[in-house]
Amino acid sequence: MPLSAGASGAEALAPGQDLIRGGRAGVVVAGGAEACPRPFTIAASAGTEALPTQSVAPTTGPAAS
């Protein structure tokens, strides 16, 4: 399984698609869900270096004005 930080729901679709295309399953339930940011999940994401380490000001959108 790939290591993801935000696209895990989308990446979960590929193995399901492979099961269907390979004839090993007729129906697959696949996807992802958002999780509440808890200290453990933040620490786990930080350990994979998936979190930004610098603040970057937005250049477009309502937050940029």
PDB file of N, CA and C in Angstrom:
ATOM      1  N   MET A   1       0.832  -1.182   0.000  1.00  0.00           N
ATOM      2  CA  MET A   1       0.000   0.000   0.000  1.00  0.00           C
ATOM      3  C   MET A   1       0.876   1.244   0.000  1.00  0.00           C
ATOM      4  N   PRO A   2       0.480   2.240  -0.762  1.00  0.00           N
ATOM      5  CA  PRO A   2       1.257   3.486  -0.792  1.00  0.00           C
ATOM      6  C   PRO A   2       1.039   4.314   0.464  1.00  0.00           C
ATOM      7  N   LEU A   3       2.007   5.136   0.773  1.00  0.00           N
ATOM      8  CA  LEU A   3       1.903   6.058   1.897  1.00  0.00           C
ATOM      9  C   LEU A   3       1.292   7.350   1.388  1.00  0.00           C
ATOM     10  N   SER A   4       0.193   7.768   1.980  1.00  0.00           N
ATOM     11  CA  SER A   4      -0.524   8.955   1.517  1.00  0.00           C
ATOM     12  C   SER A   4      -0.773   9.908   2.656  1.00  0.00           C
ATOM     13  N   ALA A   5      -0.927  11.155   2.292  1.00  0.00           N
ATOM     14  CA  ALA A   5      -1.288  12.148   3.289  1.00  0.00           C
ATOM     15  C   ALA A   5      -2.330  13.070   2.687  1.00  0.00           C
ATOM     16  N   GLY A   6      -3.489  12.571   2.446  1.00  0.00           N
ATOM     17  CA  GLY A   6      -4.529  13.429   1.898  1.00  0.00           C
ATOM     18  C   GLY A   6      -5.229  12.807   0.713  1.00  0.00           C
ATOM     19  N   ALA A   7      -4.566  11.933   0.010  1.00  0.00           N
ATOM     20  CA  ALA A   7      -5.177  11.303  -1.153  1.00  0.00           C
ATOM     21  C   ALA A   7      -5.479   9.837  -0.883  1.00  0.00           C
ATOM     22  N   SER A   8      -5.494   9.457   0.369  1.00  0.00           N
ATOM     23  CA  SER A   8      -5.687   8.041   0.682  1.00  0.00           C
ATOM     24  C   SER A   8      -7.031   7.513   0.205  1.00  0.00           C
ATOM     25  N   GLY A   9      -8.070   8.350   0.253  1.00  0.00           N
ATOM     26  CA  GLY A   9      -9.378   7.913  -0.246  1.00  0.00           C
ATOM     27  C   GLY A   9      -9.330   7.627  -1.732  1.00  0.00           C
ATOM     28  N   ALA A  10      -8.661   8.491  -2.484  1.00  0.00           N
ATOM     29  CA  ALA A  10      -8.532   8.287  -3.924  1.00  0.00           C
ATOM     30  C   ALA A  10      -7.653   7.077  -4.220  1.00  0.00           C
ATOM     31  N   GLU A  11      -6.585   6.898  -3.439  1.00  0.00           N
ATOM     32  CA  GLU A  11      -5.706   5.761  -3.660  1.00  0.00           C
ATOM     33  C   GLU A  11      -6.359   4.441  -3.284  1.00  0.00           C
ATOM     34  N   ALA A  12      -7.351   4.467  -2.431  1.00  0.00           N
ATOM     35  CA  ALA A  12      -8.055   3.247  -2.057  1.00  0.00           C
ATOM     36  C   ALA A  12      -8.902   2.713  -3.203  1.00  0.00           C
ATOM     37  N   LEU A  13      -9.211   3.552  -4.173  1.00  0.00           N
ATOM     38  CA  LEU A  13     -10.038   3.113  -5.299  1.00  0.00           C
ATOM     39  C   LEU A  13      -9.283   2.190  -6.247  1.00  0.00           C
ATOM     40  N   ALA A  14      -7.968   2.382  -6.384  1.00  0.00           N
ATOM     41  CA  ALA A  14      -7.187   1.579  -7.337  1.00  0.00           C
ATOM     42  C   ALA A  14      -7.191   0.085  -7.000  1.00  0.00           C
ATOM     43  N   PRO A  15      -6.942  -0.321  -5.746  1.00  0.00           N
ATOM     44  CA  PRO A  15      -7.002  -1.757  -5.463  1.00  0.00           C
ATOM     45  C   PRO A  15      -8.399  -2.345  -5.698  1.00  0.00           C
ATOM     46  N   GLY A  16      -9.429  -1.554  -5.410  1.00  0.00           N
ATOM     47  CA  GLY A  16     -10.790  -2.017  -5.675  1.00  0.00           C
ATOM     48  C   GLY A  16     -11.026  -2.211  -7.158  1.00  0.00           C
ATOM     49  N   GLN A  17     -10.536  -1.268  -7.945  1.00  0.00           N
ATOM     50  CA  GLN A  17     -10.659  -1.381  -9.396  1.00  0.00           C
ATOM     51  C   GLN A  17      -9.916  -2.613  -9.905  1.00  0.00           C
ATOM     52  N   ASP A  18      -8.740  -2.875  -9.361  1.00  0.00           N
ATOM     53  CA  ASP A  18      -7.977  -4.060  -9.756  1.00  0.00           C
ATOM     54  C   ASP A  18      -8.736  -5.350  -9.441  1.00  0.00           C
ATOM     55  N   LEU A  19      -9.402  -5.384  -8.294  1.00  0.00           N
ATOM     56  CA  LEU A  19     -10.182  -6.572  -7.925  1.00  0.00           C
ATOM     57  C   LEU A  19     -11.302  -6.823  -8.928  1.00  0.00           C
ATOM     58  N   ILE A  20     -11.985  -5.757  -9.319  1.00  0.00           N
ATOM     59  CA  ILE A  20     -13.095  -5.895 -10.263  1.00  0.00           C
ATOM     60  C   ILE A  20     -12.577  -6.279 -11.646  1.00  0.00           C
ATOM     61  N   ARG A  21     -11.563  -5.569 -12.121  1.00  0.00           N
ATOM     62  CA  ARG A  21     -11.006  -5.865 -13.448  1.00  0.00           C
ATOM     63  C   ARG A  21     -10.413  -7.265 -13.525  1.00  0.00           C
ATOM     64  N   GLY A  22      -9.838  -7.740 -12.424  1.00  0.00           N
ATOM     65  CA  GLY A  22      -9.245  -9.072 -12.401  1.00  0.00           C
ATOM     66  C   GLY A  22     -10.263 -10.182 -12.210  1.00  0.00           C
ATOM     67  N   GLY A  23     -11.526  -9.822 -12.049  1.00  0.00           N
ATOM     68  CA  GLY A  23     -12.573 -10.830 -11.879  1.00  0.00           C
ATOM     69  C   GLY A  23     -12.618 -11.445 -10.498  1.00  0.00           C
ATOM     70  N   ARG A  24     -11.880 -10.885  -9.548  1.00  0.00           N
ATOM     71  CA  ARG A  24     -11.877 -11.441  -8.192  1.00  0.00           C
ATOM     72  C   ARG A  24     -13.013 -10.912  -7.338  1.00  0.00           C
ATOM     73  N   ALA A  25     -13.709  -9.872  -7.839  1.00  0.00           N
ATOM     74  CA  ALA A  25     -14.850  -9.308  -7.108  1.00  0.00           C
ATOM     75  C   ALA A  25     -15.800  -8.677  -8.106  1.00  0.00           C
ATOM     76  N   GLY A  26     -17.082  -8.734  -7.801  1.00  0.00           N
ATOM     77  CA  GLY A  26     -18.087  -8.096  -8.641  1.00  0.00           C
ATOM     78  C   GLY A  26     -18.428  -6.700  -8.136  1.00  0.00           C
ATOM     79  N   VAL A  27     -18.312  -6.536  -6.828  1.00  0.00           N
ATOM     80  CA  VAL A  27     -18.615  -5.261  -6.187  1.00  0.00           C
ATOM     81  C   VAL A  27     -17.563  -5.023  -5.109  1.00  0.00           C
ATOM     82  N   VAL A  28     -17.092  -3.785  -5.013  1.00  0.00           N
ATOM     83  CA  VAL A  28     -16.102  -3.424  -3.997  1.00  0.00           C
ATOM     84  C   VAL A  28     -16.530  -2.113  -3.353  1.00  0.00           C
ATOM     85  N   VAL A  29     -16.439  -2.050  -2.041  1.00  0.00           N
ATOM     86  CA  VAL A  29     -16.668  -0.796  -1.326  1.00  0.00           C
ATOM     87  C   VAL A  29     -15.290  -0.237  -0.996  1.00  0.00           C
ATOM     88  N   ALA A  30     -14.980   0.925  -1.551  1.00  0.00           N
ATOM     89  CA  ALA A  30     -13.647   1.508  -1.349  1.00  0.00           C
ATOM     90  C   ALA A  30     -13.782   3.010  -1.190  1.00  0.00           C
ATOM     91  N   GLY A  31     -12.855   3.607  -0.504  1.00  0.00           N
ATOM     92  CA  GLY A  31     -12.863   5.056  -0.327  1.00  0.00           C
ATOM     93  C   GLY A  31     -12.116   5.439   0.922  1.00  0.00           C
ATOM     94  N   GLY A  32     -12.357   6.633   1.373  1.00  0.00           N
ATOM     95  CA  GLY A  32     -11.682   7.124   2.563  1.00  0.00           C
ATOM     96  C   GLY A  32     -12.597   8.034   3.351  1.00  0.00           C
ATOM     97  N   ALA A  33     -12.148   8.440   4.503  1.00  0.00           N
ATOM     98  CA  ALA A  33     -12.926   9.327   5.357  1.00  0.00           C
ATOM     99  C   ALA A  33     -11.978  10.297   6.042  1.00  0.00           C
ATOM    100  N   GLU A  34     -12.485  11.462   6.342  1.00  0.00           N
ATOM    101  CA  GLU A  34     -11.693  12.444   7.074  1.00  0.00           C
ATOM    102  C   GLU A  34     -11.604  12.009   8.532  1.00  0.00           C
ATOM    103  N   ALA A  35     -10.517  12.357   9.154  1.00  0.00           N
ATOM    104  CA  ALA A  35     -10.325  12.037  10.567  1.00  0.00           C
ATOM    105  C   ALA A  35     -10.157  13.334  11.347  1.00  0.00           C
ATOM    106  N   CYS A  36     -10.570  13.300  12.557  1.00  0.00           N
ATOM    107  CA  CYS A  36     -10.393  14.449  13.440  1.00  0.00           C
ATOM    108  C   CYS A  36      -8.908  14.594  13.760  1.00  0.00           C
ATOM    109  N   PRO A  37      -8.344  15.797  13.611  1.00  0.00           N
ATOM    110  CA  PRO A  37      -6.912  15.941  13.907  1.00  0.00           C
ATOM    111  C   PRO A  37      -6.633  15.796  15.397  1.00  0.00           C
ATOM    112  N   ARG A  38      -6.087  14.693  15.759  1.00  0.00           N
ATOM    113  CA  ARG A  38      -5.745  14.397  17.144  1.00  0.00           C
ATOM    114  C   ARG A  38      -4.227  14.425  17.275  1.00  0.00           C
ATOM    115  N   PRO A  39      -3.698  14.571  18.463  1.00  0.00           N
ATOM    116  CA  PRO A  39      -2.242  14.612  18.625  1.00  0.00           C
ATOM    117  C   PRO A  39      -1.532  13.411  17.998  1.00  0.00           C
ATOM    118  N   PHE A  40      -2.104  12.220  18.137  1.00  0.00           N
ATOM    119  CA  PHE A  40      -1.450  11.033  17.578  1.00  0.00           C
ATOM    120  C   PHE A  40      -1.383  11.097  16.059  1.00  0.00           C
ATOM    121  N   THR A  41      -2.498  11.486  15.408  1.00  0.00           N
ATOM    122  CA  THR A  41      -2.497  11.522  13.948  1.00  0.00           C
ATOM    123  C   THR A  41      -1.605  12.638  13.423  1.00  0.00           C
ATOM    124  N   ILE A  42      -1.535  13.745  14.127  1.00  0.00           N
ATOM    125  CA  ILE A  42      -0.636  14.826  13.722  1.00  0.00           C
ATOM    126  C   ILE A  42       0.815  14.370  13.856  1.00  0.00           C
ATOM    127  N   ALA A  43       1.144  13.703  14.951  1.00  0.00           N
ATOM    128  CA  ALA A  43       2.505  13.203  15.151  1.00  0.00           C
ATOM    129  C   ALA A  43       2.858  12.154  14.099  1.00  0.00           C
ATOM    130  N   ALA A  44       1.911  11.295  13.754  1.00  0.00           N
ATOM    131  CA  ALA A  44       2.176  10.278  12.734  1.00  0.00           C
ATOM    132  C   ALA A  44       2.424  10.926  11.382  1.00  0.00           C
ATOM    133  N   SER A  45       1.648  11.935  11.032  1.00  0.00           N
ATOM    134  CA  SER A  45       1.855  12.639   9.764  1.00  0.00           C
ATOM    135  C   SER A  45       3.172  13.399   9.770  1.00  0.00           C
ATOM    136  N   ALA A  46       3.519  13.985  10.898  1.00  0.00           N
ATOM    137  CA  ALA A  46       4.791  14.707  10.994  1.00  0.00           C
ATOM    138  C   ALA A  46       5.957  13.743  10.832  1.00  0.00           C
ATOM    139  N   GLY A  47       5.806  12.534  11.342  1.00  0.00           N
ATOM    140  CA  GLY A  47       6.861  11.530  11.211  1.00  0.00           C
ATOM    141  C   GLY A  47       7.114  11.119   9.780  1.00  0.00           C
ATOM    142  N   THR A  48       6.116  11.238   8.919  1.00  0.00           N
ATOM    143  CA  THR A  48       6.283  10.891   7.502  1.00  0.00           C
ATOM    144  C   THR A  48       6.702  12.102   6.685  1.00  0.00           C
ATOM    145  N   GLU A  49       6.896  13.226   7.355  1.00  0.00           N
ATOM    146  CA  GLU A  49       7.243  14.494   6.717  1.00  0.00           C
ATOM    147  C   GLU A  49       6.178  14.925   5.712  1.00  0.00           C
ATOM    148  N   ALA A  50       4.923  14.609   6.012  1.00  0.00           N
ATOM    149  CA  ALA A  50       3.811  14.962   5.137  1.00  0.00           C
ATOM    150  C   ALA A  50       3.197  16.314   5.488  1.00  0.00           C
ATOM    151  N   LEU A  51       3.598  16.900   6.597  1.00  0.00           N
ATOM    152  CA  LEU A  51       3.060  18.191   7.005  1.00  0.00           C
ATOM    153  C   LEU A  51       4.007  19.306   6.599  1.00  0.00           C
ATOM    154  N   PRO A  52       3.469  20.463   6.243  1.00  0.00           N
ATOM    155  CA  PRO A  52       4.353  21.579   5.883  1.00  0.00           C
ATOM    156  C   PRO A  52       5.133  22.065   7.102  1.00  0.00           C
ATOM    157  N   THR A  53       6.322  22.527   6.850  1.00  0.00           N
ATOM    158  CA  THR A  53       7.152  23.030   7.948  1.00  0.00           C
ATOM    159  C   THR A  53       7.249  24.548   7.945  1.00  0.00           C
ATOM    160  N   GLN A  54       6.719  25.192   6.901  1.00  0.00           N
ATOM    161  CA  GLN A  54       6.746  26.644   6.813  1.00  0.00           C
ATOM    162  C   GLN A  54       5.353  27.160   6.516  1.00  0.00           C
ATOM    163  N   SER A  55       5.069  28.367   6.982  1.00  0.00           N
ATOM    164  CA  SER A  55       3.817  29.022   6.640  1.00  0.00           C
ATOM    165  C   SER A  55       4.012  29.754   5.317  1.00  0.00           C
ATOM    166  N   VAL A  56       3.052  29.603   4.430  1.00  0.00           N
ATOM    167  CA  VAL A  56       3.116  30.279   3.133  1.00  0.00           C
ATOM    168  C   VAL A  56       1.848  31.092   2.971  1.00  0.00           C
ATOM    169  N   ALA A  57       2.007  32.372   2.675  1.00  0.00           N
ATOM    170  CA  ALA A  57       0.859  33.241   2.491  1.00  0.00           C
ATOM    171  C   ALA A  57       0.147  32.883   1.192  1.00  0.00           C
ATOM    172  N   PRO A  58      -1.186  32.807   1.200  1.00  0.00           N
ATOM    173  CA  PRO A  58      -1.919  32.506  -0.038  1.00  0.00           C
ATOM    174  C   PRO A  58      -1.731  33.621  -1.052  1.00  0.00           C
ATOM    175  N   THR A  59      -1.678  33.250  -2.322  1.00  0.00           N
ATOM    176  CA  THR A  59      -1.496  34.258  -3.381  1.00  0.00           C
ATOM    177  C   THR A  59      -2.783  34.518  -4.141  1.00  0.00           C
ATOM    178  N   THR A  60      -3.784  33.663  -3.966  1.00  0.00           N
ATOM    179  CA  THR A  60      -5.074  33.861  -4.622  1.00  0.00           C
ATOM    180  C   THR A  60      -6.186  33.551  -3.649  1.00  0.00           C
ATOM    181  N   GLY A  61      -7.393  33.935  -4.000  1.00  0.00           N
ATOM    182  CA  GLY A  61      -8.554  33.627  -3.188  1.00  0.00           C
ATOM    183  C   GLY A  61      -8.832  34.695  -2.143  1.00  0.00           C
ATOM    184  N   PRO A  62      -9.882  34.488  -1.353  1.00  0.00           N
ATOM    185  CA  PRO A  62     -10.295  35.489  -0.374  1.00  0.00           C
ATOM    186  C   PRO A  62      -9.275  35.715   0.738  1.00  0.00           C
ATOM    187  N   ALA A  63      -8.472  34.710   1.063  1.00  0.00           N
ATOM    188  CA  ALA A  63      -7.499  34.868   2.141  1.00  0.00           C
ATOM    189  C   ALA A  63      -6.310  35.716   1.719  1.00  0.00           C
ATOM    190  N   ALA A  64      -6.126  35.925   0.407  1.00  0.00           N
ATOM    191  CA  ALA A  64      -4.977  36.700  -0.083  1.00  0.00           C
ATOM    192  C   ALA A  64      -5.184  38.206   0.075  1.00  0.00           C
ATOM    193  N   SER A  65      -6.428  38.659   0.230  1.00  0.00           N
ATOM    194  CA  SER A  65      -6.650  40.119   0.299  1.00  0.00           C
ATOM    195  C   SER A  65      -6.516  40.653   1.696  1.00  0.00           C
TER     196      SER A  65
END
